[in-house]
Amino acid sequence: KLDVIVPCYNAAATLSRAVQSCLKQPEMSTLWLIDDASNDDTWVQIVAWQKKFPQRIRAQRLPENSGVAQARNWGALQSAADVVAFLDADDEYQDGALAAAYWCFQHIDDLGLIRLRLQAVGLPERYRQQPNFAREWQRLAMTVGGNTVFRRVFLLSCGGFPQDALFRQLGGEDGALGLATVRSSVVGTLFD
């Protein structure tokens, strides 16, 4: 099984797009929407989505805002799937995005993590015109957590996404986990 985990914090403006893109993924068993104590209408939307798709969507709400790492980890702990994919609530999957990742996990036993291709949508042209844009965009794709698909047991054995206060304040938990994974497992990329 493959589950998708979407950490949500004040995501009312973008959540519907993210959820719809997940529901289009035939490989997905369950979509976990983890509300990190939002103070907008995110939780109301999550409950509505779960009522509309009770067999495919599970809703969880954390009692206090604890950060994206804890929301992701909580979702991974709730899931019973062999493979878990993470999508940020302000992103979306392209149609068929999880098909190749799912196939790879079924056929490559040593694979612990796959990073999916990121596509810049709505990015102002002034950023794309920077001389090192392609290199920096690839660096981003190799460090963020919203494009990752993990073998769940591997993610949990790594301790999940780091939740230290320093990461919460400065960010970088995605990159830290990424560095740990390349030293202990086969990491694949599906960029092309």
Protein backbone atom coordinates (compact mmCIF):
# COMPACT_ATOMS: atom_id res chain seq x y z
CA LYS A 1 0.00 0.00 0.00
CA LEU A 2 0.98 3.61 -0.54
CA ASP A 3 -0.43 6.40 1.63
CA VAL A 4 -0.02 10.14 1.08
CA ILE A 5 0.50 12.43 4.07
CA VAL A 6 -0.28 16.14 3.79
CA PRO A 7 0.73 18.31 6.77
CA CYS A 8 -1.60 21.30 6.93
CA TYR A 9 -1.16 24.60 8.71
CA ASN A 10 -3.39 27.52 7.73
CA ALA A 11 -3.76 25.95 4.30
CA ALA A 12 -7.37 26.86 3.56
CA ALA A 13 -6.44 28.73 0.37
CA THR A 14 -4.55 25.83 -1.25
CA LEU A 15 -5.75 22.61 0.39
CA SER A 16 -8.45 21.72 -2.15
CA ARG A 17 -5.96 21.73 -5.02
CA ALA A 18 -3.58 19.47 -3.08
CA VAL A 19 -6.34 17.04 -2.07
CA GLN A 20 -7.74 16.81 -5.60
CA SER A 21 -4.30 16.02 -6.99
CA CYS A 22 -3.88 13.22 -4.43
CA LEU A 23 -7.27 11.69 -5.20
CA LYS A 24 -6.21 11.39 -8.87
CA GLN A 25 -3.33 9.07 -7.92
CA PRO A 26 -4.57 5.48 -8.44
CA GLU A 27 -1.68 4.07 -6.38
CA MET A 28 -2.81 5.93 -3.24
CA SER A 29 -4.62 3.87 -0.62
CA THR A 30 -5.27 6.53 2.02
CA LEU A 31 -4.78 10.28 2.17
CA TRP A 32 -3.83 11.49 5.65
CA LEU A 33 -4.65 15.15 6.24
CA ILE A 34 -2.82 16.23 9.39
CA ASP A 35 -3.92 19.63 10.69
CA ASP A 36 -1.19 21.26 12.77
CA ALA A 37 -3.63 23.32 14.88
CA SER A 38 -4.52 25.76 12.12
CA ASN A 39 -6.39 28.93 13.07
CA ASP A 40 -8.12 29.43 9.71
CA ASP A 41 -10.72 27.19 8.00
CA THR A 42 -8.27 24.37 7.26
CA TRP A 43 -9.81 21.95 9.78
CA VAL A 44 -13.33 22.65 8.49
CA GLN A 45 -12.16 21.82 4.96
CA ILE A 46 -10.39 18.66 6.12
CA VAL A 47 -13.53 17.38 7.85
CA ALA A 48 -15.57 18.14 4.73
CA TRP A 49 -13.11 16.23 2.52
CA GLN A 50 -13.15 13.26 4.89
CA LYS A 51 -16.96 13.17 4.86
CA LYS A 52 -16.96 13.30 1.07
CA PHE A 53 -14.38 10.47 0.73
CA PRO A 54 -14.63 8.44 3.97
CA GLN A 55 -12.94 5.37 2.47
CA ARG A 56 -9.91 7.28 1.15
CA ILE A 57 -9.30 10.22 3.52
CA ARG A 58 -8.35 10.19 7.19
CA ALA A 59 -8.29 13.40 9.25
CA GLN A 60 -6.15 14.07 12.30
CA ARG A 61 -5.77 17.31 14.24
CA LEU A 62 -2.80 18.01 16.48
CA PRO A 63 -3.74 19.79 19.72
CA GLU A 64 -1.14 22.54 19.31
CA ASN A 65 0.99 23.87 16.49
CA SER A 66 4.16 21.79 16.55
CA GLY A 67 5.63 22.24 13.08
CA VAL A 68 5.66 20.42 9.77
CA ALA A 69 8.11 17.73 10.93
CA GLN A 70 5.84 16.57 13.74
CA ALA A 71 2.77 16.64 11.48
CA ARG A 72 4.57 14.52 8.88
CA ASN A 73 5.84 12.09 11.52
CA TRP A 74 2.39 11.81 13.10
CA GLY A 75 0.92 10.89 9.73
CA ALA A 76 3.62 8.27 9.15
CA LEU A 77 2.90 6.76 12.57
CA GLN A 78 -0.84 6.59 11.86
CA SER A 79 -0.36 4.94 8.46
CA ALA A 80 -0.04 1.20 8.08
CA ALA A 81 1.12 1.42 4.44
CA ASP A 82 4.44 0.04 3.24
CA VAL A 83 5.18 3.27 1.39
CA VAL A 84 4.37 6.86 2.44
CA ALA A 85 4.54 9.93 0.22
CA PHE A 86 4.62 13.48 1.51
CA LEU A 87 3.01 16.44 -0.20
CA ASP A 88 2.86 19.97 1.18
CA ALA A 89 -0.61 21.52 1.41
CA ASP A 90 0.34 24.31 -0.99
CA ASP A 91 1.63 21.90 -3.66
CA GLU A 92 0.01 19.41 -5.99
CA TYR A 93 0.87 16.19 -7.78
CA GLN A 94 0.83 15.95 -11.53
CA ASP A 95 -1.32 13.11 -12.87
CA GLY A 96 0.56 9.82 -12.54
CA ALA A 97 3.22 11.30 -10.25
CA LEU A 98 3.27 8.33 -7.88
CA ALA A 99 3.11 5.53 -10.48
CA ALA A 100 6.86 5.25 -11.13
CA ALA A 101 7.73 5.62 -7.45
CA TYR A 102 5.31 2.87 -6.50
CA TRP A 103 6.73 0.59 -9.19
CA CYS A 104 10.30 1.25 -7.99
CA PHE A 105 9.46 0.32 -4.40
CA GLN A 106 7.84 -2.90 -5.58
CA HIS A 107 10.92 -3.92 -7.61
CA ILE A 108 13.99 -2.46 -5.85
CA ASP A 109 14.31 -3.93 -2.36
CA ASP A 110 17.17 -1.69 -1.14
CA LEU A 111 15.39 1.54 -2.02
CA GLY A 112 14.56 3.64 1.04
CA LEU A 113 13.57 6.98 -0.48
CA ILE A 114 12.59 8.46 -3.82
CA ARG A 115 12.51 12.14 -4.59
CA LEU A 116 9.97 13.23 -7.19
CA ARG A 117 10.54 15.96 -9.75
CA LEU A 118 9.50 19.45 -8.70
CA GLN A 119 7.96 21.72 -11.27
CA ALA A 120 7.89 25.46 -10.68
CA VAL A 121 4.39 26.74 -11.30
CA GLY A 122 3.65 30.42 -10.94
CA LEU A 123 7.25 31.27 -10.15
CA PRO A 124 8.00 34.86 -11.21
CA GLU A 125 10.15 35.09 -14.32
CA ARG A 126 12.77 37.17 -12.52
CA TYR A 127 13.73 34.05 -10.53
CA ARG A 128 13.88 31.82 -13.60
CA GLN A 129 16.25 34.30 -15.28
CA GLN A 130 18.89 33.98 -12.57
CA PRO A 131 22.10 32.52 -14.04
CA ASN A 132 22.23 29.59 -11.58
CA PHE A 133 18.49 28.87 -11.49
CA ALA A 134 18.68 25.30 -12.85
CA ARG A 135 21.36 24.26 -10.36
CA GLU A 136 19.59 25.88 -7.41
CA TRP A 137 16.25 24.37 -8.41
CA GLN A 138 17.83 20.90 -8.46
CA ARG A 139 19.36 21.57 -5.05
CA LEU A 140 15.90 22.50 -3.78
CA ALA A 141 14.44 19.30 -5.23
CA MET A 142 17.10 17.31 -3.35
CA THR A 143 16.37 18.87 0.03
CA VAL A 144 12.65 19.59 0.48
CA GLY A 145 10.28 17.09 2.09
CA GLY A 146 7.16 17.73 0.01
CA ASN A 147 8.43 15.66 -2.93
CA THR A 148 9.53 12.57 -0.99
CA VAL A 149 8.27 9.00 -1.06
CA PHE A 150 9.65 6.71 1.65
CA ARG A 151 9.57 3.06 2.46
CA ARG A 152 7.71 3.63 5.76
CA VAL A 153 9.82 1.27 7.87
CA PHE A 154 12.97 3.05 6.68
CA LEU A 155 11.58 6.49 7.54
CA LEU A 156 10.57 5.35 11.01
CA SER A 157 13.91 3.62 11.63
CA CYS A 158 15.63 6.94 10.80
CA GLY A 159 13.51 8.61 13.48
CA GLY A 160 11.36 10.48 10.97
CA PHE A 161 11.78 14.16 10.22
CA PRO A 162 13.86 15.86 12.97
CA GLN A 163 11.67 17.84 15.36
CA ASP A 164 14.33 19.76 17.28
CA ALA A 165 13.48 23.34 18.21
CA LEU A 166 16.40 24.63 16.13
CA PHE A 167 14.88 23.12 12.97
CA ARG A 168 11.50 24.51 13.90
CA GLN A 169 13.00 27.99 14.23
CA LEU A 170 15.36 27.96 11.24
CA GLY A 171 14.02 25.19 8.99
CA GLY A 172 16.21 22.58 7.36
CA GLU A 173 14.67 19.42 8.83
CA ASP A 174 14.06 18.15 5.29
CA GLY A 175 17.71 18.56 4.36
CA ALA A 176 18.94 16.99 7.60
CA LEU A 177 16.84 13.88 7.04
CA GLY A 178 18.00 13.79 3.43
CA LEU A 179 21.65 13.77 4.49
CA ALA A 180 20.98 10.92 6.92
CA THR A 181 19.22 8.84 4.28
CA VAL A 182 21.96 8.99 1.63
CA ARG A 183 24.40 7.50 4.11
CA SER A 184 22.19 4.57 5.06
CA SER A 185 20.06 3.60 2.07
CA VAL A 186 19.60 3.73 -1.67
CA VAL A 187 17.98 7.03 -2.61
CA GLY A 188 16.39 7.39 -6.03
CA THR A 189 15.31 10.41 -8.02
CA LEU A 190 12.54 10.53 -10.59
CA PHE A 191 13.30 13.93 -12.08
CA ASP A 192 12.96 13.08 -15.77
